[in-house]
């Protein structure tokens, strides 16, 4: 089921996700819905906060981004991207590489906003799969960037926080407009919910 993507201004995006203990049927369903939502929006990653759930859960699929190459190792073995995607990661933690590179990023919670963001070129991630197995990922390229972007989301950090001050200042008008639209959408949703209540 396709879910609503929360936009900048929604407080859930600034909420650190709770660690997932037991991966039950609800988490399995949520992960499947997140993948469907990400693909429908032409995204390469989606964090639980972006669909209104403050949980340590993210999905990533960079297999169609052939113009921005990536490398992937899982548990020390090189893996073809096409066979490993989409990745579903529970409770991920990142160890960042040292070499910093600049790259273009966008975010499904910030429609029509892109920016050059400096991030480490490589990352190692320890996480769990949906069946509870531990997994160790080593990535470079777009996949490394997507992993860092989504793990930031899980900790309430947004890509605008990684922009340099000049870029962020240049986007201030668009960010304020997006925040107003998000506030208005939430107000409409609250009024609609109030109208449905039956005493």
Protein backbone atom coordinates (compact mmCIF):
# COMPACT_ATOMS: atom_id res chain seq x y z
CA UNK A 1 0.00 0.00 0.00
CA UNK A 2 1.34 3.42 -0.97
CA UNK A 3 1.76 5.68 2.07
CA UNK A 4 1.74 9.45 2.50
CA UNK A 5 5.23 10.95 2.59
CA UNK A 6 5.62 13.52 5.35
CA UNK A 7 7.02 16.87 4.25
CA UNK A 8 9.45 19.28 5.86
CA UNK A 9 7.78 20.99 8.79
CA UNK A 10 6.21 17.80 10.12
CA UNK A 11 7.66 17.25 13.63
CA UNK A 12 8.00 13.48 13.05
CA UNK A 13 10.95 14.21 10.73
CA UNK A 14 12.90 15.57 13.70
CA UNK A 15 12.11 12.57 15.91
CA UNK A 16 14.75 9.94 16.59
CA UNK A 17 13.38 6.50 15.77
CA UNK A 18 12.85 3.89 18.46
CA UNK A 19 14.94 0.76 18.21
CA UNK A 20 12.90 -2.17 16.93
CA UNK A 21 12.88 -5.18 19.23
CA UNK A 22 10.74 -7.89 17.72
CA UNK A 23 10.18 -7.78 13.97
CA UNK A 24 6.52 -8.77 13.78
CA UNK A 25 4.00 -8.87 10.94
CA UNK A 26 3.34 -5.14 11.31
CA UNK A 27 7.02 -4.34 10.63
CA UNK A 28 7.05 -6.70 7.63
CA UNK A 29 3.96 -4.96 6.22
CA UNK A 30 5.40 -1.52 6.93
CA UNK A 31 8.65 -2.38 5.12
CA UNK A 32 6.71 -3.63 2.09
CA UNK A 33 4.57 -0.49 2.04
CA UNK A 34 7.69 1.67 2.34
CA UNK A 35 9.27 -0.02 -0.69
CA UNK A 36 6.10 0.52 -2.72
CA UNK A 37 5.96 4.17 -1.62
CA UNK A 38 9.64 4.76 -2.42
CA UNK A 39 9.36 3.24 -5.89
CA UNK A 40 6.14 5.15 -6.66
CA UNK A 41 7.91 8.41 -5.77
CA UNK A 42 11.03 7.51 -7.81
CA UNK A 43 13.16 7.64 -4.67
CA UNK A 44 16.28 5.67 -3.82
CA UNK A 45 15.61 5.55 -0.08
CA UNK A 46 12.90 6.06 2.50
CA UNK A 47 13.06 6.17 6.30
CA UNK A 48 10.21 5.29 8.64
CA UNK A 49 9.94 8.88 9.86
CA UNK A 50 9.07 9.96 6.33
CA UNK A 51 5.86 7.94 6.48
CA UNK A 52 5.02 8.98 10.04
CA UNK A 53 6.64 6.18 12.08
CA UNK A 54 9.44 7.00 14.54
CA UNK A 55 11.22 3.66 14.15
CA UNK A 56 14.72 2.51 13.21
CA UNK A 57 13.68 1.13 9.82
CA UNK A 58 14.75 2.17 6.33
CA UNK A 59 14.52 0.84 2.78
CA UNK A 60 16.97 1.61 -0.03
CA UNK A 61 17.10 0.77 -3.74
CA UNK A 62 19.78 2.32 -5.95
CA UNK A 63 19.64 -0.40 -8.62
CA UNK A 64 18.10 1.89 -11.25
CA UNK A 65 20.58 4.76 -10.76
CA UNK A 66 23.03 3.59 -13.41
CA UNK A 67 24.45 7.09 -13.90
CA UNK A 68 25.70 7.16 -10.28
CA UNK A 69 27.64 3.95 -9.65
CA UNK A 70 27.93 2.18 -6.31
CA UNK A 71 29.79 -0.76 -4.83
CA UNK A 72 28.38 -3.13 -2.25
CA UNK A 73 29.81 -5.78 0.03
CA UNK A 74 27.59 -7.77 2.38
CA UNK A 75 29.37 -9.57 5.21
CA UNK A 76 32.67 -9.08 3.37
CA UNK A 77 31.55 -10.48 0.00
CA UNK A 78 31.08 -8.34 -3.12
CA UNK A 79 27.45 -8.40 -4.23
CA UNK A 80 25.77 -7.21 -7.44
CA UNK A 81 23.44 -4.31 -6.70
CA UNK A 82 20.59 -5.76 -8.75
CA UNK A 83 20.50 -8.94 -6.66
CA UNK A 84 20.65 -7.16 -3.28
CA UNK A 85 18.06 -4.41 -3.83
CA UNK A 86 15.91 -3.32 -2.22
CA UNK A 87 17.76 -3.31 1.09
CA UNK A 88 15.58 -3.39 4.21
CA UNK A 89 17.57 -2.38 7.28
CA UNK A 90 16.43 -2.62 10.89
CA UNK A 91 18.29 -0.67 13.60
CA UNK A 92 21.19 0.40 11.32
CA UNK A 93 24.34 2.04 12.67
CA UNK A 94 26.95 3.65 10.43
CA UNK A 95 30.72 3.94 10.61
CA UNK A 96 31.84 6.64 8.21
CA UNK A 97 34.87 6.63 5.94
CA UNK A 98 37.42 9.44 5.96
CA UNK A 99 37.47 10.68 2.37
CA UNK A 100 34.85 13.40 1.84
CA UNK A 101 33.20 13.97 -1.54
CA UNK A 102 30.50 16.33 -2.72
CA UNK A 103 27.39 14.95 -4.39
CA UNK A 104 23.90 15.99 -5.41
CA UNK A 105 21.12 14.98 -3.05
CA UNK A 106 17.39 15.36 -2.97
CA UNK A 107 14.86 14.16 -0.45
CA UNK A 108 11.29 12.96 -0.85
CA UNK A 109 10.32 15.13 2.14
CA UNK A 110 11.64 18.23 0.33
CA UNK A 111 9.98 18.21 -3.12
CA UNK A 112 11.91 20.02 -5.85
CA UNK A 113 14.88 20.88 -3.61
CA UNK A 114 18.34 19.58 -4.50
CA UNK A 115 21.72 20.53 -3.12
CA UNK A 116 25.37 19.55 -3.16
CA UNK A 117 26.16 17.83 0.14
CA UNK A 118 29.59 16.80 1.44
CA UNK A 119 29.65 13.27 2.84
CA UNK A 120 32.16 10.45 3.25
CA UNK A 121 32.66 8.46 0.03
CA UNK A 122 32.38 5.15 1.88
CA UNK A 123 30.42 3.79 4.82
CA UNK A 124 30.12 0.59 6.82
CA UNK A 125 26.71 -0.21 8.27
CA UNK A 126 25.74 -2.80 10.83
CA UNK A 127 22.04 -3.63 10.93
CA UNK A 128 19.53 -6.46 11.13
CA UNK A 129 17.39 -7.97 8.39
CA UNK A 130 13.66 -8.60 8.70
CA UNK A 131 14.37 -12.16 9.83
CA UNK A 132 16.51 -10.84 12.70
CA UNK A 133 19.88 -11.79 11.20
CA UNK A 134 22.80 -9.38 11.62
CA UNK A 135 24.16 -7.87 8.41
CA UNK A 136 27.32 -5.88 7.71
CA UNK A 137 27.34 -3.64 4.66
CA UNK A 138 30.27 -1.83 3.06
CA UNK A 139 29.31 0.67 0.37
CA UNK A 140 30.69 3.43 -1.81
CA UNK A 141 29.17 5.82 -4.32
CA UNK A 142 25.46 6.58 -4.40
CA UNK A 143 24.64 3.67 -2.10
CA UNK A 144 26.98 5.03 0.58
CA UNK A 145 25.34 8.45 0.22
CA UNK A 146 21.82 6.97 0.39
CA UNK A 147 22.70 4.94 3.48
CA UNK A 148 24.04 8.03 5.26
CA UNK A 149 21.05 10.13 4.21
CA UNK A 150 18.51 7.57 5.46
CA UNK A 151 20.34 6.79 8.71
CA UNK A 152 20.41 10.54 9.35
CA UNK A 153 16.61 10.52 8.94
CA UNK A 154 16.33 7.74 11.53
CA UNK A 155 18.11 10.03 13.98
CA UNK A 156 16.04 13.14 13.23
CA UNK A 157 18.73 14.73 11.04
CA UNK A 158 17.70 16.21 7.68
CA UNK A 159 19.81 16.82 4.61
CA UNK A 160 19.37 20.57 5.02
CA UNK A 161 21.38 20.19 8.25
CA UNK A 162 24.31 18.98 6.11
CA UNK A 163 24.19 21.93 3.70
CA UNK A 164 26.65 24.77 4.00
CA UNK A 165 25.17 27.96 5.41
CA UNK A 166 25.21 29.84 2.09
CA UNK A 167 23.22 27.13 0.29
CA UNK A 168 20.74 26.86 3.13
CA UNK A 169 20.29 30.64 3.24
CA UNK A 170 19.56 30.61 -0.50
CA UNK A 171 16.82 28.04 0.06
CA UNK A 172 15.22 29.80 3.06
CA UNK A 173 12.24 31.14 1.09
CA UNK A 174 11.41 27.74 -0.41
CA UNK A 175 11.84 26.04 2.99
CA UNK A 176 9.47 28.51 4.66
CA UNK A 177 6.89 27.95 1.91
CA UNK A 178 7.21 24.17 2.26
CA UNK A 179 6.81 24.43 6.04
CA UNK A 180 3.62 26.52 5.62
CA UNK A 181 2.18 23.97 3.18
CA UNK A 182 3.01 21.14 5.57
CA UNK A 183 1.38 23.00 8.49
CA UNK A 184 -1.75 23.63 6.39
CA UNK A 185 -1.94 19.95 5.35
CA UNK A 186 -1.73 18.79 8.98
CA UNK A 187 -4.40 21.32 10.02
CA UNK A 188 -6.74 20.04 7.27
CA UNK A 189 -6.13 16.45 8.36
CA UNK A 190 -6.94 17.33 12.00
CA UNK A 191 -10.19 19.07 10.96
CA UNK A 192 -11.19 16.08 8.81
CA UNK A 193 -10.48 13.69 11.69
CA UNK A 194 -12.48 15.86 14.10
CA UNK A 195 -15.41 15.83 11.66
CA UNK A 196 -15.40 12.02 11.60
CA UNK A 197 -15.67 11.60 15.37
CA UNK A 198 -18.96 10.17 16.53
CA UNK A 199 -20.18 10.75 20.11
